Amino acid sequence: MKKLYLMRHAESAWGTASLPDFERKLNRRGERDVPYMGHFLQEQGVLLDAIFCSAAERAKATAAGFLQKYAFNGEVHYKDELYHASYETYLALLNTLPDSIEAAMIIAHNPALEDFLEAVCNVKVHISTASVADIEFQIEQWNDLSVAANGELLNLWKPREI
């Protein structure tokens, strides 16, 4: 059994029109929400073996804020391809993971997160900023993950609802 946590980047600032989308930073609410979510997942007993994050500034800031309150001993892997990704990009990334990784997290963007969730769990939900989807797959190897993997969405934790 493998676990995957999908986290959408926290709310970002739109104040500087000249700033490219890739370089947008978090706004105050975003900066407040991500440590809270890190603390919440820590309290839930979530154990992560790997974290993959979009290389966009707001996603990197989300990872940094999350790790202020979540104890993670590994290295965050920043991936350019997670910015404007397709669900196939997520599958390709996850299919390469070693089987020793039991639980992974992807911090990225919509609509790709929602598209991936719909593809692997056959559910359509909105993943709001700084929210985390908790998915379980009845597979033993990451290379068995596919759109036919029948993942189960166990939780969708939203900062405003917890």
N, C-alpha and C. Protein backbone atom coordinates (compact mmCIF):
# COMPACT_ATOMS: atom_id res chain seq x y z
N MET A 1 0.84 -1.18 0.00
CA MET A 1 0.00 0.00 0.00
C MET A 1 0.89 1.25 0.00
N LYS A 2 0.56 2.21 -0.87
CA LYS A 2 1.32 3.46 -0.98
C LYS A 2 0.40 4.63 -0.66
N LYS A 3 1.01 5.66 -0.08
CA LYS A 3 0.26 6.88 0.28
C LYS A 3 0.81 8.06 -0.50
N LEU A 4 -0.10 8.93 -0.92
CA LEU A 4 0.29 10.14 -1.63
C LEU A 4 -0.49 11.31 -1.04
N TYR A 5 0.20 12.39 -0.82
CA TYR A 5 -0.41 13.62 -0.33
C TYR A 5 -0.19 14.69 -1.39
N LEU A 6 -1.28 15.26 -1.85
CA LEU A 6 -1.22 16.34 -2.83
C LEU A 6 -1.52 17.64 -2.11
N MET A 7 -0.59 18.58 -2.15
CA MET A 7 -0.79 19.87 -1.51
C MET A 7 -0.76 20.97 -2.57
N ARG A 8 -1.80 21.77 -2.58
CA ARG A 8 -1.80 22.92 -3.47
C ARG A 8 -1.03 24.05 -2.78
N HIS A 9 -0.26 24.79 -3.55
CA HIS A 9 0.47 25.92 -2.98
C HIS A 9 -0.50 26.83 -2.24
N ALA A 10 0.02 27.55 -1.27
CA ALA A 10 -0.80 28.47 -0.48
C ALA A 10 -1.16 29.69 -1.33
N GLU A 11 -2.06 30.49 -0.78
CA GLU A 11 -2.55 31.66 -1.53
C GLU A 11 -1.41 32.62 -1.83
N SER A 12 -1.39 33.06 -3.08
CA SER A 12 -0.29 33.91 -3.52
C SER A 12 -0.74 35.35 -3.72
N ALA A 13 0.25 36.22 -3.76
CA ALA A 13 0.00 37.66 -3.93
C ALA A 13 -0.10 38.00 -5.41
N TRP A 14 -1.02 38.88 -5.73
CA TRP A 14 -1.22 39.34 -7.11
C TRP A 14 -0.86 40.81 -7.26
N GLY A 15 -0.26 41.41 -6.23
CA GLY A 15 -0.06 42.86 -6.18
C GLY A 15 0.86 43.46 -7.22
N THR A 16 1.82 42.70 -7.73
CA THR A 16 2.78 43.25 -8.68
C THR A 16 2.48 42.71 -10.07
N ALA A 17 1.85 43.54 -10.88
CA ALA A 17 1.42 43.11 -12.21
C ALA A 17 2.59 42.75 -13.11
N SER A 18 3.75 43.36 -12.89
CA SER A 18 4.91 43.10 -13.75
C SER A 18 5.63 41.81 -13.39
N LEU A 19 5.30 41.22 -12.25
CA LEU A 19 5.97 40.01 -11.80
C LEU A 19 5.43 38.80 -12.58
N PRO A 20 6.31 38.02 -13.20
CA PRO A 20 5.84 36.82 -13.91
C PRO A 20 5.14 35.85 -12.96
N ASP A 21 4.19 35.09 -13.47
CA ASP A 21 3.41 34.15 -12.67
C ASP A 21 4.32 33.20 -11.89
N PHE A 22 5.37 32.72 -12.51
CA PHE A 22 6.29 31.77 -11.90
C PHE A 22 6.95 32.34 -10.64
N GLU A 23 7.06 33.66 -10.56
CA GLU A 23 7.78 34.31 -9.47
C GLU A 23 6.88 34.90 -8.38
N ARG A 24 5.56 34.70 -8.51
CA ARG A 24 4.67 35.25 -7.48
C ARG A 24 4.97 34.64 -6.12
N LYS A 25 4.89 35.47 -5.09
CA LYS A 25 5.15 35.05 -3.71
C LYS A 25 3.82 34.79 -2.99
N LEU A 26 3.89 34.32 -1.78
CA LEU A 26 2.69 34.10 -0.97
C LEU A 26 2.22 35.41 -0.37
N ASN A 27 0.89 35.51 -0.19
CA ASN A 27 0.37 36.65 0.55
C ASN A 27 0.35 36.30 2.04
N ARG A 28 -0.15 37.20 2.87
CA ARG A 28 -0.12 36.98 4.33
C ARG A 28 -0.90 35.74 4.74
N ARG A 29 -2.08 35.56 4.13
CA ARG A 29 -2.86 34.38 4.48
C ARG A 29 -2.12 33.10 4.10
N GLY A 30 -1.49 33.09 2.94
CA GLY A 30 -0.71 31.94 2.52
C GLY A 30 0.43 31.65 3.48
N GLU A 31 1.12 32.70 3.90
CA GLU A 31 2.23 32.53 4.85
C GLU A 31 1.74 32.01 6.19
N ARG A 32 0.52 32.33 6.57
CA ARG A 32 -0.05 31.85 7.82
C ARG A 32 -0.54 30.41 7.71
N ASP A 33 -1.14 30.05 6.56
CA ASP A 33 -1.77 28.74 6.41
C ASP A 33 -0.78 27.58 6.35
N VAL A 34 0.36 27.76 5.70
CA VAL A 34 1.23 26.60 5.48
C VAL A 34 1.90 26.06 6.74
N PRO A 35 2.39 26.89 7.68
CA PRO A 35 2.89 26.29 8.92
C PRO A 35 1.77 25.58 9.69
N TYR A 36 0.59 26.14 9.62
CA TYR A 36 -0.57 25.51 10.28
C TYR A 36 -0.82 24.13 9.71
N MET A 37 -0.74 24.00 8.38
CA MET A 37 -0.96 22.69 7.75
C MET A 37 0.18 21.73 8.09
N GLY A 38 1.40 22.24 8.17
CA GLY A 38 2.51 21.40 8.59
C GLY A 38 2.29 20.84 9.98
N HIS A 39 1.87 21.71 10.90
CA HIS A 39 1.58 21.28 12.27
C HIS A 39 0.43 20.27 12.28
N PHE A 40 -0.61 20.54 11.51
CA PHE A 40 -1.77 19.64 11.46
C PHE A 40 -1.37 18.25 10.98
N LEU A 41 -0.61 18.16 9.88
CA LEU A 41 -0.20 16.85 9.37
C LEU A 41 0.72 16.14 10.35
N GLN A 42 1.56 16.89 11.03
CA GLN A 42 2.42 16.30 12.06
C GLN A 42 1.55 15.69 13.15
N GLU A 43 0.53 16.42 13.58
CA GLU A 43 -0.38 15.94 14.63
C GLU A 43 -1.19 14.73 14.17
N GLN A 44 -1.46 14.63 12.88
CA GLN A 44 -2.22 13.50 12.32
C GLN A 44 -1.35 12.25 12.21
N GLY A 45 -0.06 12.39 12.44
CA GLY A 45 0.85 11.25 12.35
C GLY A 45 1.27 10.92 10.92
N VAL A 46 1.12 11.87 10.02
CA VAL A 46 1.53 11.66 8.63
C VAL A 46 3.06 11.57 8.58
N LEU A 47 3.56 10.49 8.00
CA LEU A 47 4.99 10.28 7.85
C LEU A 47 5.34 10.31 6.37
N LEU A 48 6.12 11.28 5.97
CA LEU A 48 6.51 11.43 4.57
C LEU A 48 7.94 10.92 4.36
N ASP A 49 8.11 10.18 3.27
CA ASP A 49 9.43 9.71 2.88
C ASP A 49 10.05 10.59 1.80
N ALA A 50 9.21 11.30 1.06
CA ALA A 50 9.71 12.13 -0.05
C ALA A 50 8.75 13.29 -0.28
N ILE A 51 9.31 14.44 -0.63
CA ILE A 51 8.52 15.62 -0.99
C ILE A 51 9.04 16.14 -2.32
N PHE A 52 8.11 16.30 -3.27
CA PHE A 52 8.41 16.88 -4.58
C PHE A 52 7.62 18.17 -4.69
N CYS A 53 8.25 19.20 -5.22
CA CYS A 53 7.65 20.52 -5.22
C CYS A 53 7.92 21.21 -6.54
N SER A 54 6.91 21.90 -7.04
CA SER A 54 7.09 22.76 -8.19
C SER A 54 8.18 23.77 -7.89
N ALA A 55 8.91 24.17 -8.91
CA ALA A 55 9.98 25.15 -8.73
C ALA A 55 9.47 26.59 -8.73
N ALA A 56 8.17 26.79 -8.91
CA ALA A 56 7.60 28.14 -8.85
C ALA A 56 7.78 28.70 -7.45
N GLU A 57 7.99 30.02 -7.36
CA GLU A 57 8.29 30.67 -6.08
C GLU A 57 7.21 30.39 -5.03
N ARG A 58 5.94 30.48 -5.39
CA ARG A 58 4.87 30.29 -4.39
C ARG A 58 4.82 28.84 -3.89
N ALA A 59 5.19 27.88 -4.72
CA ALA A 59 5.23 26.49 -4.28
C ALA A 59 6.43 26.27 -3.36
N LYS A 60 7.58 26.84 -3.71
CA LYS A 60 8.76 26.71 -2.85
C LYS A 60 8.51 27.36 -1.49
N ALA A 61 7.83 28.52 -1.48
CA ALA A 61 7.50 29.18 -0.21
C ALA A 61 6.51 28.34 0.59
N THR A 62 5.61 27.65 -0.10
CA THR A 62 4.68 26.75 0.57
C THR A 62 5.44 25.62 1.26
N ALA A 63 6.37 25.02 0.55
CA ALA A 63 7.18 23.94 1.14
C ALA A 63 7.95 24.44 2.35
N ALA A 64 8.58 25.61 2.22
CA ALA A 64 9.36 26.16 3.33
C ALA A 64 8.49 26.43 4.55
N GLY A 65 7.32 27.01 4.34
CA GLY A 65 6.41 27.28 5.46
C GLY A 65 5.89 26.01 6.09
N PHE A 66 5.56 25.03 5.27
CA PHE A 66 5.08 23.74 5.75
C PHE A 66 6.13 23.10 6.66
N LEU A 67 7.39 23.17 6.23
CA LEU A 67 8.46 22.52 6.98
C LEU A 67 8.86 23.27 8.25
N GLN A 68 8.30 24.46 8.47
CA GLN A 68 8.53 25.14 9.74
C GLN A 68 7.90 24.37 10.89
N LYS A 69 6.81 23.65 10.61
CA LYS A 69 6.08 22.95 11.66
C LYS A 69 5.94 21.44 11.42
N TYR A 70 6.52 20.96 10.33
CA TYR A 70 6.47 19.52 10.04
C TYR A 70 7.91 19.00 10.02
N ALA A 71 8.17 18.00 10.82
CA ALA A 71 9.52 17.43 10.92
C ALA A 71 9.76 16.48 9.75
N PHE A 72 10.65 16.88 8.85
CA PHE A 72 11.00 16.07 7.68
C PHE A 72 12.51 16.05 7.57
N ASN A 73 13.08 14.86 7.55
CA ASN A 73 14.54 14.73 7.53
C ASN A 73 15.14 14.67 6.14
N GLY A 74 14.29 14.55 5.13
CA GLY A 74 14.80 14.43 3.78
C GLY A 74 15.00 15.76 3.09
N GLU A 75 15.28 15.67 1.82
CA GLU A 75 15.48 16.83 0.97
C GLU A 75 14.23 17.04 0.11
N VAL A 76 13.79 18.27 -0.02
CA VAL A 76 12.68 18.58 -0.92
C VAL A 76 13.25 18.61 -2.34
N HIS A 77 12.61 17.91 -3.25
CA HIS A 77 13.04 17.84 -4.64
C HIS A 77 12.21 18.82 -5.47
N TYR A 78 12.84 19.89 -5.92
CA TYR A 78 12.15 20.92 -6.71
C TYR A 78 12.21 20.53 -8.18
N LYS A 79 11.03 20.54 -8.83
CA LYS A 79 10.91 20.06 -10.20
C LYS A 79 10.24 21.11 -11.07
N ASP A 80 10.95 21.59 -12.07
CA ASP A 80 10.37 22.55 -13.02
C ASP A 80 9.13 21.98 -13.69
N GLU A 81 9.16 20.68 -13.97
CA GLU A 81 8.05 20.07 -14.72
C GLU A 81 6.73 20.02 -13.94
N LEU A 82 6.76 20.30 -12.64
CA LEU A 82 5.51 20.32 -11.87
C LEU A 82 4.76 21.64 -12.01
N TYR A 83 5.36 22.61 -12.67
CA TYR A 83 4.69 23.88 -12.97
C TYR A 83 3.97 23.70 -14.31
N HIS A 84 2.67 23.92 -14.34
CA HIS A 84 1.84 23.68 -15.53
C HIS A 84 1.95 22.24 -16.00
N ALA A 85 1.93 21.32 -15.07
CA ALA A 85 2.05 19.90 -15.38
C ALA A 85 0.71 19.31 -15.80
N SER A 86 0.78 18.13 -16.37
CA SER A 86 -0.42 17.34 -16.64
C SER A 86 -0.43 16.18 -15.64
N TYR A 87 -1.55 15.50 -15.55
CA TYR A 87 -1.57 14.36 -14.62
C TYR A 87 -0.61 13.27 -15.09
N GLU A 88 -0.33 13.22 -16.39
CA GLU A 88 0.65 12.26 -16.89
C GLU A 88 2.05 12.56 -16.34
N THR A 89 2.36 13.83 -16.14
CA THR A 89 3.65 14.22 -15.55
C THR A 89 3.76 13.68 -14.13
N TYR A 90 2.67 13.78 -13.37
CA TYR A 90 2.67 13.25 -12.01
C TYR A 90 2.88 11.74 -12.03
N LEU A 91 2.15 11.05 -12.92
CA LEU A 91 2.30 9.60 -13.02
C LEU A 91 3.74 9.22 -13.35
N ALA A 92 4.32 9.90 -14.33
CA ALA A 92 5.70 9.60 -14.73
C ALA A 92 6.66 9.78 -13.56
N LEU A 93 6.50 10.85 -12.80
CA LEU A 93 7.35 11.10 -11.64
C LEU A 93 7.18 10.00 -10.59
N LEU A 94 5.95 9.71 -10.24
CA LEU A 94 5.69 8.72 -9.19
C LEU A 94 6.10 7.32 -9.61
N ASN A 95 5.97 6.99 -10.89
CA ASN A 95 6.35 5.66 -11.38
C ASN A 95 7.84 5.38 -11.23
N THR A 96 8.65 6.43 -11.05
CA THR A 96 10.10 6.24 -10.91
C THR A 96 10.56 6.12 -9.46
N LEU A 97 9.64 6.29 -8.52
CA LEU A 97 10.04 6.25 -7.11
C LEU A 97 10.47 4.85 -6.69
N PRO A 98 11.48 4.77 -5.84
CA PRO A 98 11.85 3.45 -5.30
C PRO A 98 10.75 2.94 -4.38
N ASP A 99 10.62 1.65 -4.33
CA ASP A 99 9.55 1.05 -3.53
C ASP A 99 9.75 1.23 -2.04
N SER A 100 10.94 1.62 -1.62
CA SER A 100 11.19 1.89 -0.20
C SER A 100 10.42 3.13 0.27
N ILE A 101 9.99 3.97 -0.65
CA ILE A 101 9.19 5.14 -0.30
C ILE A 101 7.74 4.70 -0.14
N GLU A 102 7.24 4.82 1.06
CA GLU A 102 5.85 4.43 1.35
C GLU A 102 4.88 5.59 1.17
N ALA A 103 5.35 6.81 1.48
CA ALA A 103 4.46 7.98 1.42
C ALA A 103 5.21 9.16 0.81
N ALA A 104 4.60 9.77 -0.19
CA ALA A 104 5.20 10.91 -0.87
C ALA A 104 4.21 12.07 -0.89
N MET A 105 4.76 13.27 -1.04
CA MET A 105 3.94 14.47 -1.16
C MET A 105 4.37 15.21 -2.41
N ILE A 106 3.37 15.77 -3.11
CA ILE A 106 3.62 16.66 -4.23
C ILE A 106 2.99 18.01 -3.87
N ILE A 107 3.78 19.06 -3.94
CA ILE A 107 3.30 20.43 -3.72
C ILE A 107 3.31 21.12 -5.07
N ALA A 108 2.13 21.48 -5.55
CA ALA A 108 2.06 22.01 -6.92
C ALA A 108 0.82 22.87 -7.11
N HIS A 109 0.26 22.83 -8.31
CA HIS A 109 -0.74 23.80 -8.75
C HIS A 109 -1.99 23.12 -9.33
N ASN A 110 -3.07 23.88 -9.31
CA ASN A 110 -4.25 23.50 -10.07
C ASN A 110 -4.09 24.04 -11.48
N PRO A 111 -4.70 23.47 -12.48
CA PRO A 111 -5.66 22.37 -12.42
C PRO A 111 -5.03 20.98 -12.38
N ALA A 112 -3.71 20.89 -12.48
CA ALA A 112 -3.06 19.57 -12.55
C ALA A 112 -3.36 18.71 -11.33
N LEU A 113 -3.33 19.29 -10.13
CA LEU A 113 -3.61 18.49 -8.93
C LEU A 113 -5.01 17.88 -8.99
N GLU A 114 -5.99 18.70 -9.34
CA GLU A 114 -7.37 18.19 -9.42
C GLU A 114 -7.53 17.18 -10.55
N ASP A 115 -6.87 17.42 -11.67
CA ASP A 115 -6.93 16.48 -12.79
C ASP A 115 -6.33 15.13 -12.40
N PHE A 116 -5.19 15.16 -11.71
CA PHE A 116 -4.56 13.92 -11.27
C PHE A 116 -5.46 13.19 -10.28
N LEU A 117 -5.99 13.91 -9.31
CA LEU A 117 -6.87 13.30 -8.32
C LEU A 117 -8.07 12.65 -8.99
N GLU A 118 -8.66 13.34 -9.94
CA GLU A 118 -9.81 12.78 -10.66
C GLU A 118 -9.40 11.53 -11.45
N ALA A 119 -8.22 11.56 -12.08
CA ALA A 119 -7.76 10.43 -12.89
C ALA A 119 -7.51 9.18 -12.05
N VAL A 120 -6.89 9.33 -10.88
CA VAL A 120 -6.50 8.15 -10.10
C VAL A 120 -7.52 7.74 -9.04
N CYS A 121 -8.44 8.64 -8.68
CA CYS A 121 -9.43 8.32 -7.66
C CYS A 121 -10.87 8.35 -8.19
N ASN A 122 -11.02 8.82 -9.40
CA ASN A 122 -12.34 8.94 -10.00
C ASN A 122 -13.29 9.80 -9.16
N VAL A 123 -12.75 10.88 -8.60
CA VAL A 123 -13.56 11.85 -7.87
C VAL A 123 -13.20 13.25 -8.36
N LYS A 124 -14.17 14.11 -8.38
CA LYS A 124 -13.95 15.48 -8.80
C LYS A 124 -14.18 16.38 -7.60
N VAL A 125 -13.10 16.96 -7.08
CA VAL A 125 -13.18 17.86 -5.93
C VAL A 125 -12.30 19.08 -6.21
N HIS A 126 -12.60 20.15 -5.50
CA HIS A 126 -11.80 21.36 -5.60
C HIS A 126 -10.74 21.34 -4.50
N ILE A 127 -9.49 21.49 -4.90
CA ILE A 127 -8.40 21.57 -3.94
C ILE A 127 -8.05 23.06 -3.80
N SER A 128 -8.50 23.66 -2.72
CA SER A 128 -8.25 25.08 -2.48
C SER A 128 -6.81 25.29 -2.01
N THR A 129 -6.38 26.54 -1.99
CA THR A 129 -5.01 26.86 -1.62
C THR A 129 -4.65 26.31 -0.24
N ALA A 130 -3.46 25.76 -0.14
CA ALA A 130 -2.87 25.18 1.08
C ALA A 130 -3.59 23.92 1.56
N SER A 131 -4.51 23.39 0.78
CA SER A 131 -5.21 22.16 1.15
C SER A 131 -4.37 20.95 0.80
N VAL A 132 -4.65 19.84 1.50
CA VAL A 132 -3.91 18.60 1.29
C VAL A 132 -4.90 17.46 1.08
N ALA A 133 -4.73 16.76 -0.04
CA ALA A 133 -5.50 15.56 -0.32
C ALA A 133 -4.68 14.35 0.12
N ASP A 134 -5.32 13.45 0.85
CA ASP A 134 -4.70 12.24 1.40
C ASP A 134 -5.24 11.06 0.59
N ILE A 135 -4.35 10.41 -0.16
CA ILE A 135 -4.76 9.34 -1.08
C ILE A 135 -4.02 8.06 -0.73
N GLU A 136 -4.75 6.96 -0.81
CA GLU A 136 -4.16 5.65 -0.57
C GLU A 136 -4.35 4.79 -1.81
N PHE A 137 -3.28 4.08 -2.18
CA PHE A 137 -3.31 3.17 -3.32
C PHE A 137 -3.02 1.76 -2.85
N GLN A 138 -3.78 0.81 -3.33
CA GLN A 138 -3.58 -0.59 -3.00
C GLN A 138 -2.55 -1.20 -3.96
N ILE A 139 -1.35 -0.64 -3.94
CA ILE A 139 -0.24 -1.12 -4.77
C ILE A 139 0.98 -1.28 -3.87
N GLU A 140 1.89 -2.13 -4.29
CA GLU A 140 3.13 -2.35 -3.55
C GLU A 140 4.30 -1.63 -4.18
N GLN A 141 4.20 -1.32 -5.47
CA GLN A 141 5.28 -0.69 -6.21
C GLN A 141 4.75 0.56 -6.90
N TRP A 142 5.53 1.65 -6.85
CA TRP A 142 5.11 2.89 -7.48
C TRP A 142 4.96 2.74 -8.99
N ASN A 143 5.72 1.84 -9.60
CA ASN A 143 5.58 1.70 -11.05
C ASN A 143 4.28 1.00 -11.44
N ASP A 144 3.50 0.54 -10.46
CA ASP A 144 2.17 0.00 -10.72
C ASP A 144 1.09 1.08 -10.70
N LEU A 145 1.48 2.30 -10.33
CA LEU A 145 0.51 3.39 -10.27
C LEU A 145 0.11 3.80 -11.69
N SER A 146 -1.19 3.85 -11.91
CA SER A 146 -1.74 4.26 -13.20
C SER A 146 -3.12 4.84 -12.96
N VAL A 147 -3.76 5.31 -14.02
CA VAL A 147 -5.11 5.84 -13.85
C VAL A 147 -6.09 4.72 -13.48
N ALA A 148 -5.68 3.48 -13.63
CA ALA A 148 -6.52 2.35 -13.24
C ALA A 148 -6.20 1.86 -11.83
N ALA A 149 -5.36 2.61 -11.11
CA ALA A 149 -4.91 2.17 -9.78
C ALA A 149 -6.01 2.24 -8.72
N ASN A 150 -7.09 2.91 -9.03
CA ASN A 150 -8.21 3.02 -8.09
C ASN A 150 -7.79 3.53 -6.72
N GLY A 151 -7.17 4.70 -6.73
CA GLY A 151 -6.81 5.32 -5.47
C GLY A 151 -8.05 5.70 -4.69
N GLU A 152 -7.89 5.78 -3.38
CA GLU A 152 -9.00 6.18 -2.52
C GLU A 152 -8.64 7.50 -1.83
N LEU A 153 -9.48 8.50 -2.05
CA LEU A 153 -9.31 9.77 -1.36
C LEU A 153 -9.83 9.60 0.06
N LEU A 154 -8.91 9.59 1.02
CA LEU A 154 -9.28 9.38 2.41
C LEU A 154 -9.68 10.67 3.09
N ASN A 155 -8.97 11.75 2.78
CA ASN A 155 -9.23 13.05 3.41
C ASN A 155 -8.89 14.16 2.44
N LEU A 156 -9.57 15.26 2.60
CA LEU A 156 -9.18 16.51 1.94
C LEU A 156 -9.19 17.57 3.03
N TRP A 157 -8.00 17.88 3.53
CA TRP A 157 -7.86 18.81 4.64
C TRP A 157 -7.68 20.21 4.10
N LYS A 158 -8.54 21.12 4.55
CA LYS A 158 -8.49 22.52 4.14
C LYS A 158 -8.21 23.38 5.36
N PRO A 159 -7.30 24.35 5.23
CA PRO A 159 -6.93 25.16 6.40
C PRO A 159 -8.14 25.82 7.08
N ARG A 160 -9.12 26.22 6.31
CA ARG A 160 -10.27 26.91 6.91
C ARG A 160 -11.23 25.98 7.62
N GLU A 161 -11.07 24.67 7.40
CA GLU A 161 -12.04 23.71 7.95
C GLU A 161 -11.47 22.82 9.07
N ILE A 162 -10.20 23.01 9.39
CA ILE A 162 -9.63 22.15 10.45
C ILE A 162 -9.24 22.98 11.67
